[in-house]
Amino acid sequence: MNNTDQLKQLLLAKSYRHGKFTLSSGRESDFYIDGKQTTLSAEGAYLCGKLIFEIIRNNPQKIDAVGGMTLGADPLVTAVSVVSHLEQAPIPAFIVRKESKGHGTGQYIEGLSNMVPGCTVALLEDVVTTGGTLLTVIERVEAAGFKVGLVVTVVDRLEGGAEALAEKGYRLEAIFTRHTLLQ
């Protein structure tokens, strides 16, 4: 079984739930994907890190750092950074806070000392529905002077997120869509 198939099996076993759920977007859904149940497992973190690193490595534009909004992206950015080190092509990770730091520098982004000012970054998310979280992250990252060269999710629910990002000029890469995960 290849890495994609292994990750699919893990997501279905650990993260997928059928029922009635209210999503962070406020929408109602008949299924829920709690990506952290997979990304916080050792095998899930490794597989996500490996697969996302391959997407980054194949991106036409060089990616200098990888980050995303806390909490969903935290295990992903760490996994990708660790895998990149193991592959002898290290990419530092950063985390975007939901609220600016209330003390010290008051910054939104953690990990800045590992990043070259103005570098090109990849943004990660475990599950995308409307794309609202990613649009917030893009705004904060660009306000800090960085360029967004890639946006990646583990699962695209196919509920408007990719279209919302495309409207702003960003293409969403997904390891799985709702259809490829549930088929």
C-alpha atoms as a PDB file:
ATOM      1  CA  MET A   1       0.000   0.000   0.000  1.00  0.00           C
ATOM      2  CA  ASN A   2       1.412   3.431  -0.931  1.00  0.00           C
ATOM      3  CA  ASN A   3       1.557   6.480   1.363  1.00  0.00           C
ATOM      4  CA  THR A   4      -1.632   8.019  -0.055  1.00  0.00           C
ATOM      5  CA  ASP A   5      -3.616   4.815   0.474  1.00  0.00           C
ATOM      6  CA  GLN A   6      -2.225   4.449   4.001  1.00  0.00           C
ATOM      7  CA  LEU A   7      -3.197   8.024   4.850  1.00  0.00           C
ATOM      8  CA  LYS A   8      -6.676   7.507   3.415  1.00  0.00           C
ATOM      9  CA  GLN A   9      -7.191   4.453   5.625  1.00  0.00           C
ATOM     10  CA  LEU A  10      -5.983   6.357   8.699  1.00  0.00           C
ATOM     11  CA  LEU A  11      -8.226   9.357   7.976  1.00  0.00           C
ATOM     12  CA  LEU A  12     -11.259   7.133   7.570  1.00  0.00           C
ATOM     13  CA  ALA A  13     -10.478   5.198  10.748  1.00  0.00           C
ATOM     14  CA  LYS A  14      -9.416   8.086  13.000  1.00  0.00           C
ATOM     15  CA  SER A  15     -10.895  11.304  11.624  1.00  0.00           C
ATOM     16  CA  TYR A  16     -14.068  10.653   9.630  1.00  0.00           C
ATOM     17  CA  ARG A  17     -17.438  10.681  11.386  1.00  0.00           C
ATOM     18  CA  HIS A  18     -20.918  10.397   9.883  1.00  0.00           C
ATOM     19  CA  GLY A  19     -23.810  12.195  11.588  1.00  0.00           C
ATOM     20  CA  LYS A  20     -25.091  15.743  12.049  1.00  0.00           C
ATOM     21  CA  PHE A  21     -22.404  18.362  12.719  1.00  0.00           C
ATOM     22  CA  THR A  22     -22.001  22.135  12.809  1.00  0.00           C
ATOM     23  CA  LEU A  23     -18.719  23.141  11.163  1.00  0.00           C
ATOM     24  CA  SER A  24     -16.471  26.057  12.178  1.00  0.00           C
ATOM     25  CA  SER A  25     -17.936  27.938   9.202  1.00  0.00           C
ATOM     26  CA  GLY A  26     -21.360  27.624  10.866  1.00  0.00           C
ATOM     27  CA  ARG A  27     -22.609  25.295   8.146  1.00  0.00           C
ATOM     28  CA  GLU A  28     -24.434  22.043   8.914  1.00  0.00           C
ATOM     29  CA  SER A  29     -22.945  18.824   7.546  1.00  0.00           C
ATOM     30  CA  ASP A  30     -23.767  15.121   7.518  1.00  0.00           C
ATOM     31  CA  PHE A  31     -20.106  14.257   8.038  1.00  0.00           C
ATOM     32  CA  TYR A  32     -17.147  15.614   9.953  1.00  0.00           C
ATOM     33  CA  ILE A  33     -13.421  15.193   9.491  1.00  0.00           C
ATOM     34  CA  ASP A  34     -11.432  15.846  12.665  1.00  0.00           C
ATOM     35  CA  GLY A  35      -8.048  15.965  10.950  1.00  0.00           C
ATOM     36  CA  LYS A  36      -6.113  16.342  14.185  1.00  0.00           C
ATOM     37  CA  GLN A  37      -7.013  12.788  15.199  1.00  0.00           C
ATOM     38  CA  THR A  38      -4.875  11.660  12.258  1.00  0.00           C
ATOM     39  CA  THR A  39      -2.240  14.401  12.123  1.00  0.00           C
ATOM     40  CA  LEU A  40      -1.440  13.994  15.823  1.00  0.00           C
ATOM     41  CA  SER A  41      -0.802  10.262  15.450  1.00  0.00           C
ATOM     42  CA  ALA A  42       2.799   9.295  14.690  1.00  0.00           C
ATOM     43  CA  GLU A  43       1.917   7.488  11.457  1.00  0.00           C
ATOM     44  CA  GLY A  44      -0.539  10.167  10.316  1.00  0.00           C
ATOM     45  CA  ALA A  45       1.926  12.979  10.986  1.00  0.00           C
ATOM     46  CA  TYR A  46       4.649  11.184   9.059  1.00  0.00           C
ATOM     47  CA  LEU A  47       2.400  10.379   6.093  1.00  0.00           C
ATOM     48  CA  CYS A  48       1.010  13.930   5.910  1.00  0.00           C
ATOM     49  CA  GLY A  49       4.519  15.358   6.232  1.00  0.00           C
ATOM     50  CA  LYS A  50       5.852  13.071   3.503  1.00  0.00           C
ATOM     51  CA  LEU A  51       2.990  13.698   1.058  1.00  0.00           C
ATOM     52  CA  ILE A  52       2.927  17.467   1.587  1.00  0.00           C
ATOM     53  CA  PHE A  53       6.712  17.644   1.299  1.00  0.00           C
ATOM     54  CA  GLU A  54       6.419  15.914  -2.098  1.00  0.00           C
ATOM     55  CA  ILE A  55       3.864  18.530  -3.204  1.00  0.00           C
ATOM     56  CA  ILE A  56       6.237  21.280  -2.038  1.00  0.00           C
ATOM     57  CA  ARG A  57       9.227  19.649  -3.753  1.00  0.00           C
ATOM     58  CA  ASN A  58       7.258  19.448  -7.028  1.00  0.00           C
ATOM     59  CA  ASN A  59       5.981  23.020  -6.820  1.00  0.00           C
ATOM     60  CA  PRO A  60       7.444  25.123  -9.653  1.00  0.00           C
ATOM     61  CA  GLN A  61       8.189  27.955  -7.214  1.00  0.00           C
ATOM     62  CA  LYS A  62      10.757  27.336  -4.449  1.00  0.00           C
ATOM     63  CA  ILE A  63       9.182  27.258  -0.992  1.00  0.00           C
ATOM     64  CA  ASP A  64      11.309  28.690   1.824  1.00  0.00           C
ATOM     65  CA  ALA A  65       9.031  28.074   4.839  1.00  0.00           C
ATOM     66  CA  VAL A  66       5.836  26.249   5.706  1.00  0.00           C
ATOM     67  CA  GLY A  67       3.127  27.458   8.059  1.00  0.00           C
ATOM     68  CA  GLY A  68      -0.521  27.840   8.901  1.00  0.00           C
ATOM     69  CA  MET A  69      -3.102  28.842  11.478  1.00  0.00           C
ATOM     70  CA  THR A  70      -2.885  27.297  14.905  1.00  0.00           C
ATOM     71  CA  LEU A  71      -4.219  24.658  15.813  1.00  0.00           C
ATOM     72  CA  GLY A  72      -5.133  22.659  12.708  1.00  0.00           C
ATOM     73  CA  ALA A  73      -1.892  23.385  10.892  1.00  0.00           C
ATOM     74  CA  ASP A  74       0.475  22.951  13.862  1.00  0.00           C
ATOM     75  CA  PRO A  75       1.094  19.198  13.508  1.00  0.00           C
ATOM     76  CA  LEU A  76       1.232  19.504   9.714  1.00  0.00           C
ATOM     77  CA  VAL A  77       3.865  22.235   9.570  1.00  0.00           C
ATOM     78  CA  THR A  78       5.971  20.406  12.137  1.00  0.00           C
ATOM     79  CA  ALA A  79       5.687  17.120  10.231  1.00  0.00           C
ATOM     80  CA  VAL A  80       6.647  18.735   6.916  1.00  0.00           C
ATOM     81  CA  SER A  81       9.598  20.512   8.508  1.00  0.00           C
ATOM     82  CA  VAL A  82      10.866  17.278  10.109  1.00  0.00           C
ATOM     83  CA  VAL A  83      10.419  15.302   6.868  1.00  0.00           C
ATOM     84  CA  SER A  84      12.237  18.042   4.926  1.00  0.00           C
ATOM     85  CA  HIS A  85      15.170  17.746   7.328  1.00  0.00           C
ATOM     86  CA  LEU A  86      15.221  13.954   6.905  1.00  0.00           C
ATOM     87  CA  GLU A  87      15.191  14.482   3.120  1.00  0.00           C
ATOM     88  CA  GLN A  88      18.189  16.845   3.474  1.00  0.00           C
ATOM     89  CA  ALA A  89      16.191  19.799   2.149  1.00  0.00           C
ATOM     90  CA  PRO A  90      15.230  21.610   5.377  1.00  0.00           C
ATOM     91  CA  ILE A  91      12.221  23.922   5.369  1.00  0.00           C
ATOM     92  CA  PRO A  92      11.497  25.854   8.569  1.00  0.00           C
ATOM     93  CA  ALA A  93       7.999  25.941  10.028  1.00  0.00           C
ATOM     94  CA  PHE A  94       5.993  28.873  11.361  1.00  0.00           C
ATOM     95  CA  ILE A  95       2.647  29.199  13.090  1.00  0.00           C
ATOM     96  CA  VAL A  96       0.097  31.986  12.702  1.00  0.00           C
ATOM     97  CA  ARG A  97      -1.747  32.888  15.900  1.00  0.00           C
ATOM     98  CA  LYS A  98      -5.510  33.400  15.957  1.00  0.00           C
ATOM     99  CA  GLU A  99      -4.971  36.523  18.074  1.00  0.00           C
ATOM    100  CA  SER A 100      -1.858  38.656  18.148  1.00  0.00           C
ATOM    101  CA  LYS A 101       0.495  38.009  21.028  1.00  0.00           C
ATOM    102  CA  GLY A 102      -0.717  40.161  23.912  1.00  0.00           C
ATOM    103  CA  HIS A 103       2.774  40.878  25.204  1.00  0.00           C
ATOM    104  CA  GLY A 104       6.351  41.235  23.964  1.00  0.00           C
ATOM    105  CA  THR A 105       6.358  41.894  20.232  1.00  0.00           C
ATOM    106  CA  GLY A 106       2.595  41.501  19.778  1.00  0.00           C
ATOM    107  CA  GLN A 107       3.147  39.489  16.615  1.00  0.00           C
ATOM    108  CA  TYR A 108       0.804  37.068  14.845  1.00  0.00           C
ATOM    109  CA  ILE A 109       3.565  34.840  13.454  1.00  0.00           C
ATOM    110  CA  GLU A 110       5.797  32.542  15.511  1.00  0.00           C
ATOM    111  CA  GLY A 111       9.049  31.260  14.020  1.00  0.00           C
ATOM    112  CA  LEU A 112      10.113  34.457  12.258  1.00  0.00           C
ATOM    113  CA  SER A 113      13.765  34.076  13.259  1.00  0.00           C
ATOM    114  CA  ASN A 114      13.955  30.975  11.026  1.00  0.00           C
ATOM    115  CA  MET A 115      12.592  32.790   7.968  1.00  0.00           C
ATOM    116  CA  VAL A 116      14.296  35.091   5.465  1.00  0.00           C
ATOM    117  CA  PRO A 117      12.353  38.366   5.202  1.00  0.00           C
ATOM    118  CA  GLY A 118      10.162  38.410   2.100  1.00  0.00           C
ATOM    119  CA  CYS A 119      10.575  34.669   1.404  1.00  0.00           C
ATOM    120  CA  THR A 120       7.990  32.489  -0.343  1.00  0.00           C
ATOM    121  CA  VAL A 121       5.910  30.238   1.897  1.00  0.00           C
ATOM    122  CA  ALA A 122       3.490  27.331   1.682  1.00  0.00           C
ATOM    123  CA  LEU A 123       0.364  27.495   3.827  1.00  0.00           C
ATOM    124  CA  LEU A 124      -1.198  24.314   5.198  1.00  0.00           C
ATOM    125  CA  GLU A 125      -4.567  23.323   6.626  1.00  0.00           C
ATOM    126  CA  ASP A 126      -5.914  19.935   7.663  1.00  0.00           C
ATOM    127  CA  VAL A 127      -9.459  20.376   6.307  1.00  0.00           C
ATOM    128  CA  VAL A 128     -10.820  23.164   4.077  1.00  0.00           C
ATOM    129  CA  THR A 129     -14.511  24.024   3.842  1.00  0.00           C
ATOM    130  CA  THR A 130     -15.063  27.695   2.935  1.00  0.00           C
ATOM    131  CA  GLY A 131     -11.389  28.729   2.914  1.00  0.00           C
ATOM    132  CA  GLY A 132     -11.986  31.452   5.505  1.00  0.00           C
ATOM    133  CA  THR A 133      -9.136  30.393   7.780  1.00  0.00           C
ATOM    134  CA  LEU A 134      -6.680  30.261   4.887  1.00  0.00           C
ATOM    135  CA  LEU A 135      -7.749  33.701   3.652  1.00  0.00           C
ATOM    136  CA  THR A 136      -7.058  35.098   7.137  1.00  0.00           C
ATOM    137  CA  VAL A 137      -3.649  33.400   7.203  1.00  0.00           C
ATOM    138  CA  ILE A 138      -2.808  34.721   3.728  1.00  0.00           C
ATOM    139  CA  GLU A 139      -3.685  38.249   4.827  1.00  0.00           C
ATOM    140  CA  ARG A 140      -1.500  38.047   7.952  1.00  0.00           C
ATOM    141  CA  VAL A 141       1.435  36.396   6.172  1.00  0.00           C
ATOM    142  CA  GLU A 142       1.406  38.912   3.331  1.00  0.00           C
ATOM    143  CA  ALA A 143       1.037  41.814   5.792  1.00  0.00           C
ATOM    144  CA  ALA A 144       4.268  40.529   7.392  1.00  0.00           C
ATOM    145  CA  GLY A 145       5.998  40.818   4.001  1.00  0.00           C
ATOM    146  CA  PHE A 146       6.017  37.180   2.858  1.00  0.00           C
ATOM    147  CA  LYS A 147       4.836  35.762  -0.470  1.00  0.00           C
ATOM    148  CA  VAL A 148       2.390  32.848  -0.625  1.00  0.00           C
ATOM    149  CA  GLY A 149       3.595  30.387  -3.258  1.00  0.00           C
ATOM    150  CA  LEU A 150       1.506  27.344  -2.372  1.00  0.00           C
ATOM    151  CA  VAL A 151      -1.628  26.443  -0.392  1.00  0.00           C
ATOM    152  CA  VAL A 152      -2.131  22.788   0.601  1.00  0.00           C
ATOM    153  CA  THR A 153      -4.789  20.891   2.526  1.00  0.00           C
ATOM    154  CA  VAL A 154      -5.104  17.271   3.534  1.00  0.00           C
ATOM    155  CA  VAL A 155      -8.852  17.261   2.721  1.00  0.00           C
ATOM    156  CA  ASP A 156     -10.858  19.681   0.578  1.00  0.00           C
ATOM    157  CA  ARG A 157     -14.537  19.234   1.499  1.00  0.00           C
ATOM    158  CA  LEU A 158     -15.462  20.788  -1.902  1.00  0.00           C
ATOM    159  CA  GLU A 159     -17.707  23.387  -0.269  1.00  0.00           C
ATOM    160  CA  GLY A 160     -16.347  26.570  -1.814  1.00  0.00           C
ATOM    161  CA  GLY A 161     -12.890  26.880  -0.242  1.00  0.00           C
ATOM    162  CA  ALA A 162     -10.926  26.305  -3.435  1.00  0.00           C
ATOM    163  CA  GLU A 163     -13.138  28.786  -5.277  1.00  0.00           C
ATOM    164  CA  ALA A 164     -12.789  31.442  -2.548  1.00  0.00           C
ATOM    165  CA  LEU A 165      -9.004  31.086  -2.714  1.00  0.00           C
ATOM    166  CA  ALA A 166      -9.009  31.130  -6.534  1.00  0.00           C
ATOM    167  CA  GLU A 167     -10.962  34.422  -6.456  1.00  0.00           C
ATOM    168  CA  LYS A 168      -7.994  35.928  -4.604  1.00  0.00           C
ATOM    169  CA  GLY A 169      -5.458  34.353  -6.975  1.00  0.00           C
ATOM    170  CA  TYR A 170      -4.436  31.252  -4.973  1.00  0.00           C
ATOM    171  CA  ARG A 171      -4.780  27.637  -6.090  1.00  0.00           C
ATOM    172  CA  LEU A 172      -5.603  25.016  -3.461  1.00  0.00           C
ATOM    173  CA  GLU A 173      -3.714  21.717  -3.675  1.00  0.00           C
ATOM    174  CA  ALA A 174      -5.425  18.842  -1.856  1.00  0.00           C
ATOM    175  CA  ILE A 175      -4.156  15.381  -0.997  1.00  0.00           C
ATOM    176  CA  PHE A 176      -7.816  14.300  -0.923  1.00  0.00           C
ATOM    177  CA  THR A 177     -11.127  15.820  -1.874  1.00  0.00           C
ATOM    178  CA  ARG A 178     -14.362  14.770  -0.251  1.00  0.00           C
ATOM    179  CA  HIS A 179     -14.950  12.461  -3.217  1.00  0.00           C
ATOM    180  CA  THR A 180     -11.528  10.808  -3.347  1.00  0.00           C
ATOM    181  CA  LEU A 181     -11.545  10.242   0.415  1.00  0.00           C
ATOM    182  CA  LEU A 182     -15.046   8.780   0.610  1.00  0.00           C
ATOM    183  CA  GLN A 183     -15.057   6.670  -2.564  1.00  0.00           C
END
